[in-house]
C-alpha atoms as a PDB file:
ATOM      1  CA  MET A   1     144.366  97.450 108.508  1.00  0.00           C
ATOM      2  CA  ILE A   2     145.306  94.282 108.064  1.00  0.00           C
ATOM      3  CA  ALA A   3     144.586  92.882 104.702  1.00  0.00           C
ATOM      4  CA  GLY A   4     145.209  88.785 105.097  1.00  0.00           C
ATOM      5  CA  ALA A   5     145.746  88.619 107.885  1.00  0.00           C
ATOM      6  CA  MET A   6     146.676  84.718 109.270  1.00  0.00           C
ATOM      7  CA  ARG A   7     146.599  83.888 113.217  1.00  0.00           C
ATOM      8  CA  SER A   8     148.196  81.435 114.840  1.00  0.00           C
ATOM      9  CA  GLN A   9     146.394  78.349 116.167  1.00  0.00           C
ATOM     10  CA  SER A  10     147.279  77.190 119.855  1.00  0.00           C
ATOM     11  CA  SER A  11     146.464  73.100 118.505  1.00  0.00           C
ATOM     12  CA  ASN A  12     150.569  72.380 116.651  1.00  0.00           C
ATOM     13  CA  LEU A  13     148.894  69.247 115.738  1.00  0.00           C
ATOM     14  CA  PRO A  14     149.656  68.353 111.913  1.00  0.00           C
ATOM     15  CA  GLY A  15     146.556  69.703 110.394  1.00  0.00           C
ATOM     16  CA  ALA A  16     144.891  71.425 112.685  1.00  0.00           C
ATOM     17  CA  GLY A  17     144.913  74.036 110.077  1.00  0.00           C
ATOM     18  CA  LEU A  18     143.039  78.128 111.423  1.00  0.00           C
ATOM     19  CA  VAL A  19     139.310  77.625 112.189  1.00  0.00           C
ATOM     20  CA  CYS A  20     136.731  80.739 110.137  1.00  0.00           C
ATOM     21  CA  ASP A  21     134.998  82.097 113.740  1.00  0.00           C
ATOM     22  CA  PHE A  22     131.677  82.896 111.690  1.00  0.00           C
ATOM     23  CA  CYS A  23     130.785  79.406 109.923  1.00  0.00           C
ATOM     24  CA  GLY A  24     133.276  77.108 112.637  1.00  0.00           C
ATOM     25  CA  GLN A  25     135.331  76.053 109.131  1.00  0.00           C
ATOM     26  CA  ARG A  26     138.603  74.761 109.041  1.00  0.00           C
ATOM     27  CA  ALA A  27     140.744  76.724 106.306  1.00  0.00           C
ATOM     28  CA  SER A  28     144.164  77.488 105.402  1.00  0.00           C
ATOM     29  CA  THR A  29     143.539  81.152 105.959  1.00  0.00           C
ATOM     30  CA  VAL A  30     142.378  83.253 107.345  1.00  0.00           C
ATOM     31  CA  ARG A  31     141.066  87.407 107.047  1.00  0.00           C
ATOM     32  CA  ARG A  32     140.242  90.424 109.657  1.00  0.00           C
ATOM     33  CA  VAL A  33     140.047  93.533 107.806  1.00  0.00           C
ATOM     34  CA  ALA A  34     139.046  96.779 109.358  1.00  0.00           C
ATOM     35  CA  LEU A  35     138.251  99.345 107.140  1.00  0.00           C
ATOM     36  CA  ASP A  36     135.639 101.663 109.203  1.00  0.00           C
ATOM     37  CA  ARG A  37     136.432 105.096 109.213  1.00  0.00           C
ATOM     38  CA  GLY A  38     138.129 106.515 112.307  1.00  0.00           C
ATOM     39  CA  TYR A  39     138.531 103.782 113.640  1.00  0.00           C
ATOM     40  CA  ASP A  40     141.880 103.181 115.165  1.00  0.00           C
ATOM     41  CA  ARG A  41     142.512  99.472 115.873  1.00  0.00           C
ATOM     42  CA  LEU A  42     145.129 100.578 118.544  1.00  0.00           C
ATOM     43  CA  ALA A  43     143.146 103.704 120.744  1.00  0.00           C
ATOM     44  CA  ALA A  44     139.677 101.323 119.898  1.00  0.00           C
ATOM     45  CA  PRO A  45     138.340  99.249 123.400  1.00  0.00           C
ATOM     46  CA  ALA A  46     139.343  96.104 124.355  1.00  0.00           C
ATOM     47  CA  HIS A  47     137.148  93.798 121.972  1.00  0.00           C
ATOM     48  CA  ARG A  48     136.679  90.121 120.737  1.00  0.00           C
ATOM     49  CA  GLU A  49     138.802  90.042 117.270  1.00  0.00           C
ATOM     50  CA  LEU A  50     137.629  88.111 114.645  1.00  0.00           C
ATOM     51  CA  TYR A  51     138.636  86.248 111.393  1.00  0.00           C
ATOM     52  CA  ALA A  52     137.020  85.045 108.300  1.00  0.00           C
ATOM     53  CA  CYS A  53     137.823  82.000 105.291  1.00  0.00           C
ATOM     54  CA  PRO A  54     137.782  83.588 102.640  1.00  0.00           C
ATOM     55  CA  PRO A  55     133.758  83.160 101.360  1.00  0.00           C
ATOM     56  CA  CYS A  56     132.708  84.263 104.896  1.00  0.00           C
ATOM     57  CA  SER A  57     134.921  87.681 104.065  1.00  0.00           C
ATOM     58  CA  GLU A  58     133.835  88.156 100.554  1.00  0.00           C
ATOM     59  CA  ALA A  59     129.843  87.954 101.969  1.00  0.00           C
ATOM     60  CA  LYS A  60     130.569  89.920 104.986  1.00  0.00           C
ATOM     61  CA  GLU A  61     132.458  92.414 102.151  1.00  0.00           C
ATOM     62  CA  LYS A  62     129.564  92.418 100.016  1.00  0.00           C
ATOM     63  CA  ALA A  63     126.501  92.451 102.618  1.00  0.00           C
ATOM     64  CA  ARG A  64     128.701  96.013 104.164  1.00  0.00           C
ATOM     65  CA  LYS A  65     128.465  97.787 100.461  1.00  0.00           C
ATOM     66  CA  GLY A  66     124.433  96.345 100.179  1.00  0.00           C
ATOM     67  CA  LEU A  67     125.224  93.507  97.607  1.00  0.00           C
ATOM     68  CA  PRO A  68     123.488  90.644  97.231  1.00  0.00           C
ATOM     69  CA  PRO A  69     124.997  87.568  98.887  1.00  0.00           C
ATOM     70  CA  ARG A  70     125.751  85.629  95.619  1.00  0.00           C
END
């Protein structure tokens, strides 16, 4: 599990920031969280890693728990 993981952007331009893969907005941090029981990220087949800004990450976590979005 990697919580609050930051990924680097391919651009080294000042202020380029990170981009949320869900809403497309720039963010100072993005998160990738894998909490599924039995999920082994090292043995899993190749897949595209998605990163979420804090608001999208919180919305995804609430949806996972079956809670209302807000």
